[in-house]
Amino acid sequence: MTEEMKFFMYLLEYYAAYKNKKTGDVLREWDECGITQKIYDNYWVYHTERIENAYMDIDSLVETGKPAW
């Protein structure tokens, strides 16, 4: 398993806890919004910053389809 995949799984689990949702529901929402690959591809940004920055960016992607920054 790649470092990117490990971090993606970590991010998914912690984001789901942050939103008080099941991980499967969060992943389904990301898939429906078409942002799962964008989130995965942002590994190099998300893993070097505070996790809350990733949450803010993901919230923006879900709501608007655009990153927070």
N, C-alpha and C. Protein backbone atom coordinates (compact mmCIF):
# COMPACT_ATOMS: atom_id res chain seq x y z
N MET A 1 0.85 -1.17 0.00
CA MET A 1 0.00 0.00 0.00
C MET A 1 0.90 1.24 0.00
N THR A 2 0.57 2.19 -0.84
CA THR A 2 1.39 3.41 -0.96
C THR A 2 1.14 4.35 0.22
N GLU A 3 2.09 5.26 0.44
CA GLU A 3 1.92 6.27 1.47
C GLU A 3 0.70 7.15 1.18
N GLU A 4 0.48 7.42 -0.10
CA GLU A 4 -0.67 8.23 -0.49
C GLU A 4 -1.98 7.55 -0.09
N MET A 5 -2.08 6.24 -0.32
CA MET A 5 -3.29 5.51 0.02
C MET A 5 -3.46 5.44 1.53
N LYS A 6 -2.38 5.22 2.26
CA LYS A 6 -2.47 5.19 3.72
C LYS A 6 -2.99 6.53 4.24
N PHE A 7 -2.46 7.62 3.71
CA PHE A 7 -2.91 8.93 4.15
C PHE A 7 -4.35 9.18 3.74
N PHE A 8 -4.73 8.76 2.55
CA PHE A 8 -6.11 8.93 2.10
C PHE A 8 -7.07 8.24 3.06
N MET A 9 -6.73 7.03 3.46
CA MET A 9 -7.58 6.28 4.39
C MET A 9 -7.64 6.98 5.75
N TYR A 10 -6.50 7.47 6.21
CA TYR A 10 -6.44 8.23 7.46
C TYR A 10 -7.33 9.47 7.35
N LEU A 11 -7.18 10.21 6.27
CA LEU A 11 -7.96 11.43 6.07
C LEU A 11 -9.45 11.12 6.00
N LEU A 12 -9.82 10.08 5.29
CA LEU A 12 -11.22 9.68 5.19
C LEU A 12 -11.80 9.36 6.57
N GLU A 13 -11.08 8.59 7.36
CA GLU A 13 -11.56 8.21 8.68
C GLU A 13 -11.69 9.41 9.61
N TYR A 14 -10.69 10.28 9.60
CA TYR A 14 -10.74 11.44 10.49
C TYR A 14 -11.74 12.48 10.02
N TYR A 15 -11.89 12.64 8.73
CA TYR A 15 -12.89 13.57 8.20
C TYR A 15 -14.29 13.06 8.55
N ALA A 16 -14.51 11.77 8.44
CA ALA A 16 -15.81 11.19 8.79
C ALA A 16 -16.11 11.43 10.26
N ALA A 17 -15.12 11.26 11.12
CA ALA A 17 -15.31 11.52 12.54
C ALA A 17 -15.61 13.00 12.78
N TYR A 18 -14.91 13.87 12.08
CA TYR A 18 -15.12 15.31 12.17
C TYR A 18 -16.55 15.69 11.78
N LYS A 19 -17.09 15.01 10.78
CA LYS A 19 -18.45 15.27 10.31
C LYS A 19 -19.50 14.43 11.04
N ASN A 20 -19.03 13.52 11.91
CA ASN A 20 -19.91 12.61 12.63
C ASN A 20 -20.74 11.77 11.66
N LYS A 21 -20.04 11.22 10.66
CA LYS A 21 -20.66 10.37 9.65
C LYS A 21 -19.88 9.07 9.53
N LYS A 22 -20.47 8.09 8.90
CA LYS A 22 -19.78 6.85 8.61
C LYS A 22 -18.84 7.07 7.43
N THR A 23 -17.71 6.37 7.44
CA THR A 23 -16.73 6.55 6.36
C THR A 23 -17.33 6.20 5.01
N GLY A 24 -18.16 5.17 4.95
CA GLY A 24 -18.78 4.79 3.69
C GLY A 24 -19.68 5.90 3.15
N ASP A 25 -20.38 6.58 4.04
CA ASP A 25 -21.23 7.69 3.62
C ASP A 25 -20.41 8.86 3.09
N VAL A 26 -19.30 9.13 3.75
CA VAL A 26 -18.42 10.22 3.31
C VAL A 26 -17.83 9.89 1.94
N LEU A 27 -17.33 8.67 1.78
CA LEU A 27 -16.75 8.29 0.50
C LEU A 27 -17.81 8.33 -0.61
N ARG A 28 -19.00 7.91 -0.31
CA ARG A 28 -20.09 7.97 -1.29
C ARG A 28 -20.37 9.43 -1.69
N GLU A 29 -20.39 10.32 -0.71
CA GLU A 29 -20.61 11.74 -0.98
C GLU A 29 -19.49 12.30 -1.87
N TRP A 30 -18.26 11.96 -1.56
CA TRP A 30 -17.13 12.42 -2.37
C TRP A 30 -17.25 11.90 -3.80
N ASP A 31 -17.62 10.62 -3.93
CA ASP A 31 -17.79 10.04 -5.27
C ASP A 31 -18.90 10.74 -6.03
N GLU A 32 -20.02 11.00 -5.36
CA GLU A 32 -21.14 11.66 -6.02
C GLU A 32 -20.80 13.08 -6.44
N CYS A 33 -19.94 13.74 -5.67
CA CYS A 33 -19.49 15.10 -6.01
C CYS A 33 -18.35 15.09 -7.02
N GLY A 34 -17.81 13.91 -7.30
CA GLY A 34 -16.71 13.80 -8.26
C GLY A 34 -15.40 14.37 -7.74
N ILE A 35 -15.18 14.29 -6.42
CA ILE A 35 -13.98 14.90 -5.84
C ILE A 35 -13.03 13.91 -5.20
N THR A 36 -13.35 12.64 -5.22
CA THR A 36 -12.51 11.64 -4.56
C THR A 36 -11.08 11.66 -5.10
N GLN A 37 -10.92 11.68 -6.40
CA GLN A 37 -9.57 11.70 -6.98
C GLN A 37 -8.85 13.01 -6.67
N LYS A 38 -9.57 14.12 -6.65
CA LYS A 38 -8.95 15.40 -6.30
C LYS A 38 -8.39 15.35 -4.88
N ILE A 39 -9.17 14.79 -3.98
CA ILE A 39 -8.72 14.67 -2.59
C ILE A 39 -7.50 13.77 -2.51
N TYR A 40 -7.55 12.63 -3.18
CA TYR A 40 -6.41 11.71 -3.20
C TYR A 40 -5.17 12.39 -3.78
N ASP A 41 -5.35 13.14 -4.86
CA ASP A 41 -4.23 13.80 -5.52
C ASP A 41 -3.63 14.93 -4.70
N ASN A 42 -4.35 15.43 -3.71
CA ASN A 42 -3.83 16.52 -2.87
C ASN A 42 -3.00 16.01 -1.70
N TYR A 43 -2.56 14.77 -1.75
CA TYR A 43 -1.73 14.19 -0.70
C TYR A 43 -0.59 15.11 -0.32
N TRP A 44 0.13 15.62 -1.29
CA TRP A 44 1.34 16.42 -1.01
C TRP A 44 1.01 17.71 -0.29
N VAL A 45 -0.18 18.22 -0.45
CA VAL A 45 -0.60 19.43 0.27
C VAL A 45 -1.17 19.04 1.63
N TYR A 46 -2.11 18.14 1.64
CA TYR A 46 -2.83 17.81 2.87
C TYR A 46 -1.93 17.22 3.96
N HIS A 47 -0.97 16.39 3.60
CA HIS A 47 -0.19 15.73 4.65
C HIS A 47 0.89 16.63 5.24
N THR A 48 1.09 17.81 4.67
CA THR A 48 2.11 18.72 5.21
C THR A 48 1.49 19.87 6.00
N GLU A 49 0.19 19.97 6.01
CA GLU A 49 -0.49 21.06 6.71
C GLU A 49 -1.33 20.52 7.86
N ARG A 50 -1.92 21.42 8.59
CA ARG A 50 -2.84 21.01 9.66
C ARG A 50 -4.02 20.27 9.03
N ILE A 51 -4.48 19.25 9.71
CA ILE A 51 -5.58 18.45 9.18
C ILE A 51 -6.83 19.30 8.98
N GLU A 52 -7.00 20.33 9.81
CA GLU A 52 -8.15 21.22 9.68
C GLU A 52 -8.16 21.96 8.35
N ASN A 53 -6.98 22.21 7.80
CA ASN A 53 -6.91 22.84 6.47
C ASN A 53 -7.48 21.91 5.40
N ALA A 54 -7.19 20.63 5.54
CA ALA A 54 -7.74 19.65 4.60
C ALA A 54 -9.26 19.59 4.75
N TYR A 55 -9.75 19.61 5.99
CA TYR A 55 -11.20 19.60 6.21
C TYR A 55 -11.85 20.80 5.54
N MET A 56 -11.25 21.98 5.71
CA MET A 56 -11.80 23.19 5.13
C MET A 56 -11.82 23.09 3.60
N ASP A 57 -10.77 22.55 3.03
CA ASP A 57 -10.70 22.40 1.58
C ASP A 57 -11.73 21.39 1.08
N ILE A 58 -11.86 20.28 1.78
CA ILE A 58 -12.83 19.25 1.38
C ILE A 58 -14.25 19.80 1.51
N ASP A 59 -14.53 20.52 2.60
CA ASP A 59 -15.86 21.13 2.74
C ASP A 59 -16.16 22.03 1.56
N SER A 60 -15.18 22.81 1.13
CA SER A 60 -15.37 23.70 -0.02
C SER A 60 -15.58 22.90 -1.30
N LEU A 61 -14.83 21.83 -1.48
CA LEU A 61 -15.00 20.99 -2.67
C LEU A 61 -16.40 20.38 -2.71
N VAL A 62 -16.89 19.93 -1.56
CA VAL A 62 -18.23 19.34 -1.49
C VAL A 62 -19.29 20.39 -1.80
N GLU A 63 -19.14 21.57 -1.22
CA GLU A 63 -20.16 22.61 -1.36
C GLU A 63 -20.13 23.33 -2.70
N THR A 64 -18.92 23.59 -3.21
CA THR A 64 -18.81 24.43 -4.41
C THR A 64 -18.13 23.76 -5.59
N GLY A 65 -17.44 22.64 -5.31
CA GLY A 65 -16.65 22.00 -6.36
C GLY A 65 -15.30 22.65 -6.58
N LYS A 66 -15.00 23.66 -5.75
CA LYS A 66 -13.73 24.38 -5.87
C LYS A 66 -12.97 24.30 -4.56
N PRO A 67 -11.64 24.30 -4.63
CA PRO A 67 -10.85 24.27 -3.40
C PRO A 67 -11.02 25.56 -2.59
N ALA A 68 -10.70 25.49 -1.31
CA ALA A 68 -10.83 26.63 -0.41
C ALA A 68 -9.79 27.71 -0.72
N TRP A 69 -8.65 27.32 -1.30
CA TRP A 69 -7.60 28.32 -1.59
C TRP A 69 -7.28 28.38 -3.04
